[in-house]
């Protein structure tokens, strides 16, 4: 195990690059009428994201846009607005296009009842009838809120990938993050969906939470292997208490230091590799038979707001409160607050709040950053050919910044390759090519720490 204390200097505020430009650059200058025209012209396959924002109570680590409620009428009202949003969308885009991917995120999607989920799915399929034969249809699951009826609805309607939120199996950590979730409860939920026919199970873990140590996380990983998920997503906890009030409940002295977090990540990579998984991008692990692994092998891995995916080249449509859509040269985000979301829909408009149109430089840098984030390598000749540039001349200043990280990469005229240690700092490496980040002072607390 390496001594990572010297790496503390690399612990800087930086993006996770689920988009480029990142969401902090989204603005209201992107005109609604221009966005509608883009949607009308789109022809690619579709990827649909539905945000179901409700949770019963707060998990203190959570950085998602959620609404805490126990009121049934709140969920019913929200579903009605989702239906209206779908109807507005149906009058704008060609809904006969194939759907290659659909994802329910949250919040807690299974906080909605089986009946409510069924009504939503039927509405979606009435608007978008053409799902591809190999479409990926997935749902995030909190094992504490899943019953047989909900599982049956998902599986009968073609859901084929389930992502279970776990975070950590240590009882002390669970108590501190306000999410008590016994191992047996999680295992029973996974066993249930597997018996019903789900062939792809993902498990989400988080390192960097209060009271975690290398030894405690080793035990979490060993327990997780007993459940035998097909994929792991192991995220670095993003501590942003200036953005998320629930995170202020943590005593920051209980958070593991950057060097401990790097030890945990290094151990995850070695332990999971020894147990049949392959590291995919900066925070995913998959078995060799998983399509994420195959996408990494053939260079088709793609990164978006759901993390790593095999469905690159699709037009992502975000539906629901705070959802984000993505096309080749744009991002668009819906309103984050319910009153404005409802107001827009009541006026017969899509609930778009802000977005960004990508210029040629944005598209080029997005391609570079996303390839580095996905493959830990960059094919320079491919970039030069696609964008008609001299890479070393165009990125002259950026490559000077990259010199600080020279011990973690190799560069020749054809490739940039990130070494095994550099993978732990892949966000820092990608940041060298981010022109927007250079305009943000280090004092501004916009992003979480990279380490």
Protein backbone atom coordinates (compact mmCIF):
# COMPACT_ATOMS: atom_id res chain seq x y z
CA UNK A 1 0.00 0.00 0.00
CA UNK A 2 1.48 3.34 -1.06
CA UNK A 3 1.97 6.28 1.28
CA UNK A 4 -0.32 8.89 -0.25
CA UNK A 5 0.39 11.78 2.13
CA UNK A 6 2.31 13.58 -0.62
CA UNK A 7 -0.83 13.46 -2.76
CA UNK A 8 -2.65 15.92 -0.51
CA UNK A 9 -1.37 18.75 -2.74
CA UNK A 10 -3.54 17.33 -5.55
CA UNK A 11 -6.70 17.58 -3.47
CA UNK A 12 -8.33 20.45 -5.32
CA UNK A 13 -11.89 21.49 -6.05
CA UNK A 14 -12.74 19.92 -9.39
CA UNK A 15 -15.56 18.50 -11.53
CA UNK A 16 -16.52 14.85 -11.92
CA UNK A 17 -17.07 15.54 -15.63
CA UNK A 18 -20.45 13.96 -16.10
CA UNK A 19 -20.70 16.79 -18.63
CA UNK A 20 -18.45 19.29 -20.35
CA UNK A 21 -18.97 22.18 -20.00
CA UNK A 22 -20.02 21.35 -16.46
CA UNK A 23 -23.42 22.24 -15.02
CA UNK A 24 -22.07 25.40 -13.32
CA UNK A 25 -21.69 26.88 -16.81
CA UNK A 26 -25.34 26.34 -17.72
CA UNK A 27 -27.09 29.69 -18.14
CA UNK A 28 -30.36 31.32 -19.20
CA UNK A 29 -28.93 32.71 -22.45
CA UNK A 30 -29.86 29.49 -24.25
CA UNK A 31 -33.20 30.53 -25.75
CA UNK A 32 -36.21 28.24 -25.34
CA UNK A 33 -37.18 28.63 -28.99
CA UNK A 34 -33.71 27.52 -30.12
CA UNK A 35 -33.92 24.46 -27.90
CA UNK A 36 -37.31 23.49 -29.29
CA UNK A 37 -35.93 23.78 -32.81
CA UNK A 38 -33.03 21.48 -31.86
CA UNK A 39 -35.47 18.89 -30.49
CA UNK A 40 -37.50 19.01 -33.71
CA UNK A 41 -34.39 18.38 -35.83
CA UNK A 42 -33.00 15.46 -33.80
CA UNK A 43 -32.89 12.05 -35.48
CA UNK A 44 -30.68 9.83 -33.32
CA UNK A 45 -31.89 7.11 -30.96
CA UNK A 46 -33.26 8.33 -27.65
CA UNK A 47 -32.09 7.95 -24.07
CA UNK A 48 -34.78 8.93 -21.54
CA UNK A 49 -34.06 9.99 -17.97
CA UNK A 50 -36.92 10.40 -15.48
CA UNK A 51 -36.24 12.13 -12.18
CA UNK A 52 -38.47 10.88 -9.34
CA UNK A 53 -37.35 13.21 -6.55
CA UNK A 54 -39.17 12.06 -3.42
CA UNK A 55 -37.63 10.48 -0.32
CA UNK A 56 -39.17 9.76 3.07
CA UNK A 57 -36.19 11.14 5.00
CA UNK A 58 -32.75 12.64 4.42
CA UNK A 59 -29.55 10.68 3.96
CA UNK A 60 -26.97 13.19 5.17
CA UNK A 61 -24.37 12.34 2.50
CA UNK A 62 -26.78 12.89 -0.38
CA UNK A 63 -26.01 15.53 -2.99
CA UNK A 64 -29.04 14.80 -5.18
CA UNK A 65 -31.99 17.10 -5.75
CA UNK A 66 -34.63 15.51 -3.54
CA UNK A 67 -37.87 16.40 -1.80
CA UNK A 68 -38.65 14.88 1.58
CA UNK A 69 -42.31 14.00 2.03
CA UNK A 70 -44.67 11.35 3.31
CA UNK A 71 -47.69 12.84 1.53
CA UNK A 72 -49.32 10.63 -1.04
CA UNK A 73 -50.93 13.61 -2.76
CA UNK A 74 -47.50 15.11 -3.48
CA UNK A 75 -46.49 12.03 -5.45
CA UNK A 76 -49.80 11.88 -7.33
CA UNK A 77 -49.55 15.55 -8.25
CA UNK A 78 -46.01 15.09 -9.50
CA UNK A 79 -47.01 12.14 -11.67
CA UNK A 80 -49.75 14.25 -13.25
CA UNK A 81 -47.18 16.89 -14.15
CA UNK A 82 -44.84 14.25 -15.59
CA UNK A 83 -47.70 13.09 -17.81
CA UNK A 84 -48.32 16.67 -18.95
CA UNK A 85 -44.60 17.15 -19.66
CA UNK A 86 -44.63 13.99 -21.78
CA UNK A 87 -47.64 15.28 -23.73
CA UNK A 88 -45.86 18.58 -24.43
CA UNK A 89 -42.74 16.71 -25.51
CA UNK A 90 -44.80 14.48 -27.81
CA UNK A 91 -45.92 17.56 -29.76
CA UNK A 92 -42.30 18.64 -30.33
CA UNK A 93 -40.10 15.61 -31.02
CA UNK A 94 -40.52 12.55 -33.20
CA UNK A 95 -41.63 10.03 -30.59
CA UNK A 96 -41.43 7.17 -33.09
CA UNK A 97 -37.64 7.22 -32.78
CA UNK A 98 -36.11 4.20 -31.13
CA UNK A 99 -35.45 4.33 -27.39
CA UNK A 100 -32.10 2.72 -26.62
CA UNK A 101 -32.02 3.55 -22.92
CA UNK A 102 -34.38 4.60 -20.12
CA UNK A 103 -33.48 5.28 -16.52
CA UNK A 104 -35.51 6.09 -13.40
CA UNK A 105 -33.43 8.11 -10.93
CA UNK A 106 -34.12 9.98 -7.74
CA UNK A 107 -34.80 10.51 -4.95
CA UNK A 108 -36.21 7.09 -4.37
CA UNK A 109 -38.11 5.83 -7.45
CA UNK A 110 -39.57 2.93 -5.47
CA UNK A 111 -40.99 5.37 -2.95
CA UNK A 112 -43.76 5.40 -5.56
CA UNK A 113 -46.19 2.49 -5.25
CA UNK A 114 -46.42 -0.38 -7.72
CA UNK A 115 -49.63 1.13 -9.08
CA UNK A 116 -48.02 4.54 -9.54
CA UNK A 117 -44.97 3.05 -11.25
CA UNK A 118 -47.22 1.05 -13.57
CA UNK A 119 -49.19 4.13 -14.57
CA UNK A 120 -46.00 6.06 -15.31
CA UNK A 121 -44.48 3.26 -17.39
CA UNK A 122 -47.69 2.81 -19.40
CA UNK A 123 -47.78 6.54 -20.10
CA UNK A 124 -44.14 6.55 -21.22
CA UNK A 125 -44.70 3.61 -23.58
CA UNK A 126 -47.81 5.20 -25.03
CA UNK A 127 -45.69 8.24 -25.95
CA UNK A 128 -42.50 6.34 -26.87
CA UNK A 129 -43.64 2.98 -28.29
CA UNK A 130 -40.40 1.91 -29.99
CA UNK A 131 -37.90 0.55 -27.49
CA UNK A 132 -35.03 -1.29 -29.17
CA UNK A 133 -34.76 -5.03 -28.65
CA UNK A 134 -31.58 -4.57 -26.61
CA UNK A 135 -32.59 -1.36 -24.85
CA UNK A 136 -31.19 -0.77 -21.37
CA UNK A 137 -34.05 -0.05 -18.96
CA UNK A 138 -32.85 0.65 -15.44
CA UNK A 139 -33.95 1.93 -12.06
CA UNK A 140 -32.19 3.15 -8.94
CA UNK A 141 -33.37 1.25 -5.86
CA UNK A 142 -33.18 1.98 -2.16
CA UNK A 143 -33.50 -1.58 -0.75
CA UNK A 144 -35.43 -0.17 2.21
CA UNK A 145 -38.25 0.74 -0.19
CA UNK A 146 -38.83 -2.25 -2.43
CA UNK A 147 -41.56 -4.86 -2.33
CA UNK A 148 -42.60 -7.79 -4.51
CA UNK A 149 -45.31 -5.81 -6.31
CA UNK A 150 -42.93 -3.02 -7.30
CA UNK A 151 -40.32 -5.52 -8.50
CA UNK A 152 -42.97 -7.31 -10.58
CA UNK A 153 -44.04 -4.06 -12.24
CA UNK A 154 -40.48 -3.19 -13.20
CA UNK A 155 -39.64 -6.62 -14.55
CA UNK A 156 -42.93 -7.12 -16.40
CA UNK A 157 -42.31 -3.79 -18.14
CA UNK A 158 -38.87 -4.67 -19.43
CA UNK A 159 -36.53 -3.27 -16.77
CA UNK A 160 -33.32 -5.23 -17.05
CA UNK A 161 -30.84 -3.40 -14.81
CA UNK A 162 -31.28 -2.49 -11.15
CA UNK A 163 -28.90 -0.23 -9.24
CA UNK A 164 -28.97 -0.70 -5.46
CA UNK A 165 -27.81 2.10 -3.20
CA UNK A 166 -25.76 0.74 -0.29
CA UNK A 167 -22.95 3.24 0.47
CA UNK A 168 -21.48 1.26 3.40
CA UNK A 169 -22.36 -1.78 5.51
CA UNK A 170 -20.65 -0.51 8.67
CA UNK A 171 -23.28 0.18 11.36
CA UNK A 172 -21.45 3.19 12.81
CA UNK A 173 -21.17 4.78 9.38
CA UNK A 174 -24.81 4.04 8.59
CA UNK A 175 -25.95 5.65 11.82
CA UNK A 176 -23.88 8.77 11.17
CA UNK A 177 -25.14 9.20 7.59
CA UNK A 178 -28.75 8.62 8.72
CA UNK A 179 -29.28 5.52 6.62
CA UNK A 180 -29.71 2.31 8.60
CA UNK A 181 -29.67 -0.52 6.08
CA UNK A 182 -28.75 -3.99 7.40
CA UNK A 183 -26.80 -6.33 5.14
CA UNK A 184 -29.62 -8.90 5.21
CA UNK A 185 -32.15 -6.34 3.97
CA UNK A 186 -29.96 -5.48 0.98
CA UNK A 187 -29.17 -9.11 0.17
CA UNK A 188 -32.85 -10.09 0.35
CA UNK A 189 -33.77 -7.28 -2.05
CA UNK A 190 -31.09 -8.32 -4.54
CA UNK A 191 -32.05 -12.00 -4.26
CA UNK A 192 -35.68 -11.08 -4.91
CA UNK A 193 -35.04 -9.24 -8.20
CA UNK A 194 -32.59 -11.89 -9.38
CA UNK A 195 -35.16 -14.64 -8.80
CA UNK A 196 -37.65 -12.60 -10.81
CA UNK A 197 -35.29 -12.41 -13.79
CA UNK A 198 -33.04 -9.35 -13.44
CA UNK A 199 -29.68 -10.32 -14.90
CA UNK A 200 -27.76 -7.14 -14.20
CA UNK A 201 -27.40 -5.79 -10.67
CA UNK A 202 -25.32 -2.74 -9.80
CA UNK A 203 -24.27 -1.77 -6.28
CA UNK A 204 -23.37 1.79 -5.27
CA UNK A 205 -20.79 2.33 -2.53
CA UNK A 206 -19.24 5.57 -1.27
CA UNK A 207 -15.81 6.10 0.26
CA UNK A 208 -14.91 9.22 2.23
CA UNK A 209 -17.88 9.06 4.61
CA UNK A 210 -17.62 9.81 8.36
CA UNK A 211 -15.84 7.16 10.45
CA UNK A 212 -14.73 5.15 7.44
CA UNK A 213 -11.25 3.63 7.49
CA UNK A 214 -9.39 1.33 5.16
CA UNK A 215 -10.11 -1.60 7.51
CA UNK A 216 -13.83 -0.83 7.79
CA UNK A 217 -14.20 -0.46 4.03
CA UNK A 218 -12.43 -3.77 3.47
CA UNK A 219 -15.22 -5.40 5.48
CA UNK A 220 -17.88 -3.59 3.45
CA UNK A 221 -16.32 -4.90 0.22
CA UNK A 222 -16.17 -8.45 1.56
CA UNK A 223 -19.86 -8.31 2.47
CA UNK A 224 -20.70 -6.78 -0.90
CA UNK A 225 -19.02 -9.69 -2.69
CA UNK A 226 -21.36 -12.09 -0.90
CA UNK A 227 -24.19 -10.40 -2.83
CA UNK A 228 -22.19 -10.78 -6.06
CA UNK A 229 -23.29 -7.71 -8.07
CA UNK A 230 -22.45 -7.53 -11.77
CA UNK A 231 -21.18 -3.98 -11.41
CA UNK A 232 -19.94 -1.70 -8.67
CA UNK A 233 -20.07 2.08 -8.68
CA UNK A 234 -17.70 3.25 -5.94
CA UNK A 235 -17.93 7.01 -5.59
CA UNK A 236 -15.75 9.51 -3.78
CA UNK A 237 -18.03 11.28 -1.29
CA UNK A 238 -18.55 14.86 -2.46
CA UNK A 239 -18.55 16.97 0.70
CA UNK A 240 -20.19 20.26 -0.31
CA UNK A 241 -21.89 21.59 2.84
CA UNK A 242 -22.07 25.07 1.29
CA UNK A 243 -24.50 23.57 -1.24
CA UNK A 244 -26.21 20.81 0.78
CA UNK A 245 -27.35 21.71 4.30
CA UNK A 246 -27.76 18.06 5.33
CA UNK A 247 -23.97 17.62 5.02
CA UNK A 248 -23.44 20.23 7.75
CA UNK A 249 -24.55 17.60 10.26
CA UNK A 250 -21.19 15.85 9.88
CA UNK A 251 -18.27 16.56 12.16
CA UNK A 252 -15.62 17.13 9.51
CA UNK A 253 -12.93 15.73 11.79
CA UNK A 254 -14.57 12.30 11.33
CA UNK A 255 -14.09 12.34 7.54
CA UNK A 256 -11.15 10.23 6.32
CA UNK A 257 -8.15 12.22 5.08
CA UNK A 258 -7.25 12.36 1.37
CA UNK A 259 -4.44 9.83 1.77
CA UNK A 260 -6.79 7.35 3.47
CA UNK A 261 -9.32 7.82 0.69
CA UNK A 262 -6.68 7.07 -1.93
CA UNK A 263 -5.67 3.96 0.01
CA UNK A 264 -9.32 2.85 -0.03
CA UNK A 265 -9.62 3.44 -3.78
CA UNK A 266 -6.36 1.62 -4.46
CA UNK A 267 -7.53 -1.30 -2.33
CA UNK A 268 -10.89 -1.40 -4.14
CA UNK A 269 -9.13 -1.66 -7.49
CA UNK A 270 -6.82 -4.48 -6.36
CA UNK A 271 -9.41 -6.39 -4.34
CA UNK A 272 -12.11 -6.27 -7.02
CA UNK A 273 -9.62 -7.12 -9.78
CA UNK A 274 -8.57 -10.19 -7.79
CA UNK A 275 -12.24 -11.14 -7.56
CA UNK A 276 -13.08 -10.96 -11.24
CA UNK A 277 -13.94 -7.30 -11.85
CA UNK A 278 -12.32 -4.73 -14.13
CA UNK A 279 -12.01 -1.02 -13.35
CA UNK A 280 -14.15 0.98 -15.77
CA UNK A 281 -13.43 4.69 -15.80
CA UNK A 282 -12.72 6.36 -12.48
CA UNK A 283 -15.43 4.85 -10.29
CA UNK A 284 -17.04 1.79 -11.92
CA UNK A 285 -16.09 -1.87 -11.82
CA UNK A 286 -17.64 -4.60 -13.96
CA UNK A 287 -17.33 -8.30 -14.64
CA UNK A 288 -15.77 -9.28 -18.00
CA UNK A 289 -19.12 -10.44 -19.39
CA UNK A 290 -20.74 -7.08 -18.61
CA UNK A 291 -21.33 -4.75 -21.56
CA UNK A 292 -19.47 -1.92 -19.78
CA UNK A 293 -16.35 -4.08 -19.85
CA UNK A 294 -16.88 -4.84 -23.53
CA UNK A 295 -17.39 -1.14 -24.29
CA UNK A 296 -14.09 -0.34 -22.57
CA UNK A 297 -12.38 -2.99 -24.68
CA UNK A 298 -13.73 -1.69 -28.01
CA UNK A 299 -13.51 2.02 -27.18
CA UNK A 300 -17.26 2.75 -27.15
CA UNK A 301 -17.55 3.67 -23.47
CA UNK A 302 -19.42 6.94 -22.89
CA UNK A 303 -19.84 9.18 -19.84
CA UNK A 304 -22.93 11.21 -18.99
CA UNK A 305 -25.03 12.26 -16.00
CA UNK A 306 -25.79 8.64 -15.12
CA UNK A 307 -22.07 7.81 -15.03
CA UNK A 308 -20.58 5.38 -17.56
CA UNK A 309 -22.77 3.92 -20.27
CA UNK A 310 -22.56 1.98 -23.52
CA UNK A 311 -25.25 4.11 -25.16
CA UNK A 312 -23.15 6.89 -26.63
CA UNK A 313 -24.50 8.77 -29.64
CA UNK A 314 -28.06 8.91 -28.34
CA UNK A 315 -30.02 12.09 -27.67
CA UNK A 316 -30.61 12.24 -23.92
CA UNK A 317 -33.95 13.79 -22.92
CA UNK A 318 -34.29 14.74 -19.24
CA UNK A 319 -37.87 14.58 -17.95
CA UNK A 320 -39.03 15.76 -14.55
CA UNK A 321 -37.80 18.18 -11.93
CA UNK A 322 -34.10 19.19 -12.34
CA UNK A 323 -33.47 16.60 -15.12
CA UNK A 324 -30.72 17.31 -17.64
CA UNK A 325 -30.83 16.55 -21.35
CA UNK A 326 -27.85 16.28 -23.67
CA UNK A 327 -27.35 16.42 -27.42
CA UNK A 328 -24.20 16.55 -29.48
CA UNK A 329 -23.91 20.33 -29.04
CA UNK A 330 -26.15 21.27 -26.13
CA UNK A 331 -27.20 20.62 -22.55
CA UNK A 332 -30.53 21.69 -21.09
CA UNK A 333 -31.72 21.45 -17.48
CA UNK A 334 -35.25 21.60 -16.10
CA UNK A 335 -36.24 23.81 -13.17
CA UNK A 336 -34.98 22.64 -9.78
CA UNK A 337 -37.88 24.11 -7.77
CA UNK A 338 -41.38 22.68 -7.99
CA UNK A 339 -43.36 25.96 -8.37
CA UNK A 340 -41.44 27.03 -11.50
CA UNK A 341 -41.50 23.49 -12.87
CA UNK A 342 -45.29 23.35 -12.53
CA UNK A 343 -45.76 26.91 -13.82
CA UNK A 344 -43.93 26.19 -17.07
CA UNK A 345 -45.95 23.05 -17.71
CA UNK A 346 -49.21 24.84 -16.88
CA UNK A 347 -48.26 27.34 -19.59
CA UNK A 348 -47.84 24.50 -22.08
CA UNK A 349 -44.04 24.71 -22.17
CA UNK A 350 -41.26 22.28 -21.37
CA UNK A 351 -39.94 23.19 -17.90
CA UNK A 352 -36.50 24.31 -19.11
CA UNK A 353 -34.56 26.65 -16.84
CA UNK A 354 -31.03 26.84 -18.24
CA UNK A 355 -28.57 25.21 -20.57
CA UNK A 356 -25.65 25.81 -22.88
CA UNK A 357 -24.86 25.58 -26.57
CA UNK A 358 -21.43 24.10 -27.25
CA UNK A 359 -19.10 25.95 -29.61
CA UNK A 360 -16.37 24.19 -31.62
CA UNK A 361 -13.85 24.52 -28.78
CA UNK A 362 -16.33 23.08 -26.27
CA UNK A 363 -16.99 20.08 -28.48
CA UNK A 364 -13.27 19.45 -28.94
CA UNK A 365 -12.47 19.72 -25.23
CA UNK A 366 -15.50 17.60 -24.35
CA UNK A 367 -14.18 14.85 -26.63
CA UNK A 368 -10.70 14.99 -25.04
CA UNK A 369 -11.93 15.10 -21.44
CA UNK A 370 -14.53 12.36 -21.85
CA UNK A 371 -12.08 10.01 -23.56
CA UNK A 372 -9.57 10.51 -20.74
CA UNK A 373 -12.28 9.99 -18.12
CA UNK A 374 -13.55 6.84 -19.83
CA UNK A 375 -10.43 5.12 -21.10
CA UNK A 376 -7.53 6.64 -19.08
CA UNK A 377 -5.96 7.32 -22.46
CA UNK A 378 -6.31 9.64 -25.43
CA UNK A 379 -5.69 8.84 -29.09
CA UNK A 380 -4.15 12.11 -30.25
CA UNK A 381 -4.19 11.24 -33.94
CA UNK A 382 -7.92 10.52 -33.83
CA UNK A 383 -8.54 13.91 -32.21
CA UNK A 384 -6.42 15.68 -34.81
CA UNK A 385 -8.21 13.90 -37.65
CA UNK A 386 -11.73 14.50 -36.31
CA UNK A 387 -11.27 18.15 -35.40
CA UNK A 388 -8.66 19.15 -38.02
CA UNK A 389 -6.17 20.54 -35.50
CA UNK A 390 -2.54 20.22 -34.51
CA UNK A 391 -3.07 18.82 -31.01
CA UNK A 392 0.22 20.00 -29.50
CA UNK A 393 -0.18 23.50 -30.89
CA UNK A 394 -3.86 23.84 -29.97
CA UNK A 395 -3.38 22.62 -26.40
CA UNK A 396 0.05 24.19 -25.87
CA UNK A 397 -0.94 26.00 -22.65
CA UNK A 398 -3.00 23.08 -21.36
CA UNK A 399 -0.10 20.69 -21.82
CA UNK A 400 2.10 23.00 -19.75
CA UNK A 401 -0.36 22.58 -16.89
CA UNK A 402 -0.26 18.83 -17.41
CA UNK A 403 3.51 18.85 -16.77
CA UNK A 404 2.76 19.01 -13.02
CA UNK A 405 1.28 15.53 -13.39
CA UNK A 406 4.00 14.09 -15.63
CA UNK A 407 4.81 11.28 -13.21
CA UNK A 408 1.30 9.90 -13.74
CA UNK A 409 1.18 9.93 -17.55
CA UNK A 410 3.18 9.18 -20.66
CA UNK A 411 2.86 11.33 -23.78
CA UNK A 412 4.13 10.67 -27.27
CA UNK A 413 3.05 12.04 -30.66
CA UNK A 414 0.19 9.55 -30.85
CA UNK A 415 -1.16 9.03 -27.32
CA UNK A 416 -1.59 10.23 -23.79
CA UNK A 417 -1.68 7.26 -21.43
CA UNK A 418 -2.46 7.42 -17.71
CA UNK A 419 -0.54 5.02 -15.48
CA UNK A 420 -1.96 2.97 -12.62
CA UNK A 421 -1.30 5.66 -10.01
CA UNK A 422 -2.55 8.40 -12.30
CA UNK A 423 -5.94 6.71 -12.51
CA UNK A 424 -6.48 7.83 -8.93
CA UNK A 425 -6.01 11.43 -10.10
CA UNK A 426 -7.87 11.24 -13.41
CA UNK A 427 -10.06 14.23 -12.52
CA UNK A 428 -6.93 16.35 -11.98
CA UNK A 429 -5.56 15.23 -15.35
CA UNK A 430 -8.82 16.04 -17.17
CA UNK A 431 -8.97 19.43 -15.43
CA UNK A 432 -5.90 20.58 -17.37
CA UNK A 433 -8.06 20.70 -20.53
CA UNK A 434 -10.99 22.58 -18.94
CA UNK A 435 -10.95 26.19 -20.13
CA UNK A 436 -13.83 27.20 -17.84
CA UNK A 437 -12.14 25.94 -14.70
CA UNK A 438 -9.26 28.34 -15.31
CA UNK A 439 -11.68 31.24 -14.77
CA UNK A 440 -12.80 30.04 -11.34
CA UNK A 441 -10.59 31.06 -8.45
CA UNK A 442 -9.39 28.34 -6.07
CA UNK A 443 -11.19 30.13 -3.23
CA UNK A 444 -14.59 29.67 -4.85
CA UNK A 445 -16.17 26.54 -3.43
CA UNK A 446 -17.97 25.24 -6.51
CA UNK A 447 -16.90 21.61 -6.71
CA UNK A 448 -15.98 18.86 -4.28
CA UNK A 449 -12.34 17.89 -3.73
CA UNK A 450 -10.76 15.57 -6.28
CA UNK A 451 -9.05 13.55 -3.52
